[in-house]
Every structure is written in C-alpha cells, then in structure tokens.
C-alpha cells in the first residue's frame, strides 16, 4: 500500500527534475562544457536525493579510495541494473569529466538526458550495427585518453532487470582499452537499483537498499592480455556477491 502512495509523487518529481534542469543545462553549455556539467551534477544530486527521500530507499555510495588519479585516463567498468545507476555514479565523480557509451535511442525525447548525451562528450551507438559503432567508440576513447578523462562502459550491454548479472560482452571494452593506452581500469559494483524498477514504477517499492561501490582499481598490464574483460567481470561478480552477503 505504501508504495502506491508514494508512486505519484516519485514519478511527478522525477520528471519535474528532468524538465527543470533541461534549460539550465542548455544555457550553461553556451558558456562551455564545464558550466553545463555543473548543472548536470546538480540534476544528478536531485535524482539521488529524490530516490532517498520520496522513494524511501537506503542509498549507500562508496567512492574510490584513494581518489582516482588525474594524470591519466580512466576506464570505468560497471554492472548495470537501472537508469538510476548513471546519476549516482556521476554525482560521485562530479569532480571529473565522465562520458558514456549509450544506445542511440536515448539521443531524443528525454529532457536533460538526451541533450547531455549528445553534447557532453558521450558516444551514441546503434547496437544493431556493431561494426559501425567501432569507429565511434575508438574516437570516444581517443578523446578521453587525450583529455585524461573518464570513459564509462556497461559491458552487459543492457540492464539486469532482475538483479542477475549478465555475461560481459567484449567488443566495446576491447576497443576502448586499445584507444586508451594509459587508462587505469576502475571496476564499480552496483546493487539494489534494479528493485526500484521491478514493477516499472507501478508501484515504486519501499525499503530498497542501493549500493554503488568503487572497487580496487586495476592496472591493465596486470591482467592476462587474452582475458582482461573476463578478469574484470570476475572482480565485479565477486564484489556483487560480497555486497549481498554483507
């Protein structure tokens, strides 16, 4: 019953946040990507706060410790459970420039988010045309390498709507890693976000426990050349199990 009571407020406030930040992000981008990113950061904070308060969820964010280095690029690799994974991670990384590999369908129709994906150094790909996506991912990786920024990839390729982590797919990861020769790999484990959308927001469940945890970073040279993604997948699976056992 409680979930149905909060659902209208959660949905209304979520879309008000997306609508309310759209114009500030667009206007801020006229003055450069950094001001636009600041506006986007506060949108991400607002969404995370909404989940905590109106959504009645427990949200635990465990940032990298020590902080990620700024003198090299970062390849952030995470499991994927929900659209809410991204605002939480971006808020945790608000001091850095972060770009995502995202599906082209998100480039239109979503206030704030579609504009940000198109204009703030992410890459949009057509998953039905993987060969055409490779050059775009390579260019994205080279940009992040040159600017010593963060590239984020969800190698499952889609959200794990039931919380069960899917096998990682290698093409995007390998392309990025080859395009970012100085990159440090940062594994991230996410759990609980899938429960927010278990019923597709009808209703919004109460009492969800969400954790976003940055694990120990990994040097690519310390991984077997023919099994780098498998090694990172194993690290994230282990981290996910440890979260659930704790």
Protein backbone atom coordinates (compact mmCIF):
# COMPACT_ATOMS: atom_id res chain seq x y z
CA UNK A 1 0.00 0.00 0.00
CA UNK A 2 2.79 2.41 0.95
CA UNK A 3 4.42 2.04 -2.44
CA UNK A 4 1.28 3.11 -4.25
CA UNK A 5 1.03 6.19 -2.02
CA UNK A 6 4.50 7.47 -2.89
CA UNK A 7 4.44 6.45 -6.57
CA UNK A 8 2.62 9.55 -7.97
CA UNK A 9 4.95 11.88 -6.07
CA UNK A 10 8.07 10.00 -7.16
CA UNK A 11 7.10 9.97 -10.85
CA UNK A 12 5.99 13.63 -10.87
CA UNK A 13 9.11 14.89 -9.10
CA UNK A 14 11.40 12.76 -11.29
CA UNK A 15 10.03 14.27 -14.48
CA UNK A 16 9.98 17.75 -12.95
CA UNK A 17 13.71 17.35 -12.26
CA UNK A 18 14.41 16.32 -15.86
CA UNK A 19 12.28 19.16 -17.23
CA UNK A 20 13.52 21.73 -14.73
CA UNK A 21 17.20 21.15 -15.44
CA UNK A 22 16.91 20.95 -19.23
CA UNK A 23 17.04 24.69 -19.93
CA UNK A 24 19.78 25.41 -17.34
CA UNK A 25 21.96 22.69 -18.92
CA UNK A 26 21.36 24.06 -22.43
CA UNK A 27 22.07 27.65 -21.38
CA UNK A 28 25.12 26.66 -19.33
CA UNK A 29 26.51 24.79 -22.34
CA UNK A 30 26.56 28.11 -24.25
CA UNK A 31 29.35 29.11 -21.86
CA UNK A 32 31.26 25.84 -22.14
CA UNK A 33 31.07 22.19 -21.18
CA UNK A 34 32.22 22.75 -17.61
CA UNK A 35 29.29 25.01 -16.65
CA UNK A 36 26.94 22.54 -18.34
CA UNK A 37 28.48 19.72 -16.35
CA UNK A 38 27.93 21.62 -13.10
CA UNK A 39 24.23 21.96 -13.95
CA UNK A 40 24.13 18.26 -14.80
CA UNK A 41 25.83 17.43 -11.49
CA UNK A 42 23.06 19.14 -9.54
CA UNK A 43 20.45 17.29 -11.58
CA UNK A 44 22.15 14.02 -10.61
CA UNK A 45 22.20 15.07 -6.96
CA UNK A 46 18.49 15.91 -7.18
CA UNK A 47 17.65 12.50 -8.63
CA UNK A 48 19.71 10.70 -5.98
CA UNK A 49 18.04 12.78 -3.24
CA UNK A 50 14.61 12.00 -4.70
CA UNK A 51 15.34 8.27 -4.53
CA UNK A 52 16.44 8.60 -0.92
CA UNK A 53 13.55 10.73 0.28
CA UNK A 54 10.40 10.32 -1.81
CA UNK A 55 11.50 6.84 -2.91
CA UNK A 56 12.14 5.85 0.70
CA UNK A 57 15.31 3.98 -0.32
CA UNK A 58 18.57 3.48 1.53
CA UNK A 59 21.35 4.69 -0.77
CA UNK A 60 24.97 3.92 0.09
CA UNK A 61 27.62 5.45 -2.15
CA UNK A 62 31.19 4.22 -1.63
CA UNK A 63 33.58 6.38 -3.70
CA UNK A 64 37.08 5.43 -4.82
CA UNK A 65 39.64 5.50 -2.04
CA UNK A 66 42.15 6.95 -2.70
CA UNK A 67 40.65 9.28 -5.31
CA UNK A 68 41.19 8.37 -8.94
CA UNK A 69 44.38 9.79 -10.47
CA UNK A 70 44.04 12.89 -12.64
CA UNK A 71 47.22 12.37 -14.68
CA UNK A 72 45.83 9.52 -16.80
CA UNK A 73 42.59 8.39 -18.38
CA UNK A 74 40.18 6.08 -16.55
CA UNK A 75 38.13 3.24 -18.00
CA UNK A 76 35.21 2.74 -15.63
CA UNK A 77 33.53 -0.68 -15.93
CA UNK A 78 30.29 -1.41 -14.07
CA UNK A 79 27.42 -3.84 -13.96
CA UNK A 80 24.13 -2.25 -14.99
CA UNK A 81 20.80 -2.56 -13.15
CA UNK A 82 18.80 0.59 -13.79
CA UNK A 83 18.71 4.02 -15.41
CA UNK A 84 19.42 5.32 -11.91
CA UNK A 85 22.94 3.84 -11.94
CA UNK A 86 24.22 6.74 -14.02
CA UNK A 87 23.14 9.77 -11.92
CA UNK A 88 24.52 8.14 -8.78
CA UNK A 89 27.90 7.39 -10.35
CA UNK A 90 28.10 10.82 -11.98
CA UNK A 91 27.41 12.53 -8.67
CA UNK A 92 30.18 10.51 -7.05
CA UNK A 93 32.52 11.53 -9.90
CA UNK A 94 31.36 15.15 -10.08
CA UNK A 95 34.93 16.47 -9.92
CA UNK A 96 35.76 14.69 -13.20
CA UNK A 97 34.55 14.70 -16.81
CA UNK A 98 32.70 11.43 -17.48
CA UNK A 99 31.43 10.13 -20.82
CA UNK A 100 29.25 7.10 -21.52
CA UNK A 101 28.70 4.64 -24.32
CA UNK A 102 24.95 4.73 -24.78
CA UNK A 103 22.39 3.45 -27.25
CA UNK A 104 21.28 5.86 -29.97
CA UNK A 105 17.63 5.62 -28.92
CA UNK A 106 18.40 7.77 -25.88
CA UNK A 107 19.51 10.69 -28.07
CA UNK A 108 15.95 12.00 -28.42
CA UNK A 109 12.93 12.54 -26.27
CA UNK A 110 14.32 12.59 -22.72
CA UNK A 111 14.65 16.09 -21.22
CA UNK A 112 18.14 16.93 -19.95
CA UNK A 113 19.49 13.42 -20.53
CA UNK A 114 19.21 13.28 -24.34
CA UNK A 115 20.78 16.73 -24.71
CA UNK A 116 23.61 15.85 -22.32
CA UNK A 117 24.39 12.62 -24.14
CA UNK A 118 24.53 14.46 -27.47
CA UNK A 119 26.58 17.43 -26.30
CA UNK A 120 28.75 16.49 -23.31
CA UNK A 121 31.30 14.09 -24.80
CA UNK A 122 29.49 10.76 -24.65
CA UNK A 123 29.03 8.46 -27.64
CA UNK A 124 25.74 7.15 -29.02
CA UNK A 125 25.80 3.90 -30.95
CA UNK A 126 23.37 1.74 -32.87
CA UNK A 127 23.54 -1.67 -31.21
CA UNK A 128 22.12 -3.26 -34.36
CA UNK A 129 25.19 -2.09 -36.31
CA UNK A 130 28.19 -3.08 -34.15
CA UNK A 131 30.71 -2.63 -36.97
CA UNK A 132 29.66 0.97 -37.47
CA UNK A 133 29.90 1.55 -33.71
CA UNK A 134 33.60 0.63 -33.51
CA UNK A 135 34.98 3.81 -35.14
CA UNK A 136 32.76 5.95 -32.92
CA UNK A 137 33.95 4.14 -29.79
CA UNK A 138 37.57 4.46 -30.92
CA UNK A 139 37.18 8.22 -31.38
CA UNK A 140 35.48 8.47 -27.99
CA UNK A 141 38.33 6.56 -26.33
CA UNK A 142 40.99 8.69 -28.00
CA UNK A 143 39.22 11.84 -26.79
CA UNK A 144 39.13 10.58 -23.20
CA UNK A 145 42.76 9.48 -23.44
CA UNK A 146 43.90 12.84 -24.76
CA UNK A 147 41.99 14.79 -22.10
CA UNK A 148 42.73 12.34 -19.25
CA UNK A 149 39.03 11.91 -18.60
CA UNK A 150 36.75 9.01 -17.66
CA UNK A 151 35.03 6.69 -20.15
CA UNK A 152 32.28 4.51 -18.69
CA UNK A 153 31.03 1.26 -20.17
CA UNK A 154 28.41 -1.27 -19.07
CA UNK A 155 29.68 -4.46 -20.75
CA UNK A 156 26.48 -6.40 -20.10
CA UNK A 157 25.03 -4.37 -22.95
CA UNK A 158 21.65 -3.98 -21.25
CA UNK A 159 20.21 -3.63 -17.78
CA UNK A 160 19.90 -6.64 -15.49
CA UNK A 161 16.25 -6.06 -14.65
CA UNK A 162 16.10 -9.00 -12.23
CA UNK A 163 19.38 -8.20 -10.48
CA UNK A 164 21.18 -11.18 -12.02
CA UNK A 165 24.37 -10.01 -13.67
CA UNK A 166 24.60 -10.90 -17.36
CA UNK A 167 27.79 -12.05 -19.12
CA UNK A 168 30.07 -9.24 -20.24
CA UNK A 169 30.48 -8.57 -23.97
CA UNK A 170 33.96 -7.73 -25.11
CA UNK A 171 33.93 -5.62 -28.27
CA UNK A 172 33.30 -2.20 -26.73
CA UNK A 173 35.61 -2.83 -23.81
CA UNK A 174 38.47 -4.03 -26.02
CA UNK A 175 38.03 -1.11 -28.41
CA UNK A 176 38.09 1.40 -25.57
CA UNK A 177 41.10 -0.16 -23.88
CA UNK A 178 43.05 -0.13 -27.14
CA UNK A 179 42.12 3.52 -27.65
CA UNK A 180 43.16 4.47 -24.11
CA UNK A 181 46.69 3.07 -23.67
CA UNK A 182 47.36 4.91 -20.41
CA UNK A 183 43.99 4.06 -18.84
CA UNK A 184 43.52 2.71 -15.34
CA UNK A 185 40.57 0.31 -15.09
CA UNK A 186 38.09 1.19 -12.34
CA UNK A 187 35.57 -1.58 -11.56
CA UNK A 188 32.29 -0.50 -9.99
CA UNK A 189 29.65 -2.76 -8.48
CA UNK A 190 26.01 -1.71 -8.25
CA UNK A 191 23.24 -3.48 -6.37
CA UNK A 192 19.64 -2.70 -5.46
CA UNK A 193 18.82 -0.26 -8.26
CA UNK A 194 17.05 -2.99 -10.20
CA UNK A 195 14.47 -3.22 -7.41
CA UNK A 196 13.34 0.37 -7.98
CA UNK A 197 12.06 -0.64 -11.41
CA UNK A 198 10.96 -4.16 -10.52
CA UNK A 199 7.33 -3.17 -11.15
CA UNK A 200 8.19 -0.48 -13.76
CA UNK A 201 7.40 2.19 -11.12
CA UNK A 202 3.88 0.79 -10.63
CA UNK A 203 4.35 0.92 -7.73
CA UNK A 204 7.68 2.32 -6.54
CA UNK A 205 8.80 -0.20 -3.90
CA UNK A 206 9.61 1.00 -0.39
CA UNK A 207 12.66 -0.06 1.60
CA UNK A 208 15.01 -0.73 -1.32
CA UNK A 209 18.68 -0.88 -0.33
CA UNK A 210 21.01 0.51 -3.01
CA UNK A 211 24.80 0.39 -3.03
CA UNK A 212 27.23 1.81 -5.56
CA UNK A 213 30.76 0.79 -4.63
CA UNK A 214 34.04 1.59 -6.34
CA UNK A 215 36.31 -1.43 -6.05
CA UNK A 216 40.10 -1.55 -6.08
CA UNK A 217 41.36 -0.11 -9.42
CA UNK A 218 43.17 -2.48 -11.75
CA UNK A 219 46.22 -1.92 -13.93
CA UNK A 220 45.57 -3.41 -17.40
CA UNK A 221 49.16 -4.66 -17.58
CA UNK A 222 48.49 -6.81 -14.52
CA UNK A 223 45.78 -8.75 -16.37
CA UNK A 224 46.31 -11.56 -18.89
CA UNK A 225 46.19 -9.98 -22.34
CA UNK A 226 43.67 -12.51 -23.66
CA UNK A 227 41.35 -12.39 -20.64
CA UNK A 228 41.19 -8.81 -19.41
CA UNK A 229 37.44 -8.43 -19.62
CA UNK A 230 36.87 -11.86 -18.06
CA UNK A 231 39.12 -10.86 -15.18
CA UNK A 232 37.22 -7.59 -14.61
CA UNK A 233 33.89 -9.43 -14.85
CA UNK A 234 35.08 -11.86 -12.17
CA UNK A 235 36.12 -8.95 -9.92
CA UNK A 236 32.70 -7.28 -10.26
CA UNK A 237 30.80 -10.56 -9.75
CA UNK A 238 32.79 -11.20 -6.60
CA UNK A 239 32.14 -7.66 -5.39
CA UNK A 240 28.41 -8.03 -6.06
CA UNK A 241 28.26 -11.29 -4.10
CA UNK A 242 30.18 -9.73 -1.21
CA UNK A 243 27.69 -6.84 -1.08
CA UNK A 244 24.80 -9.28 -0.91
CA UNK A 245 26.48 -11.40 1.75
CA UNK A 246 27.33 -8.44 3.99
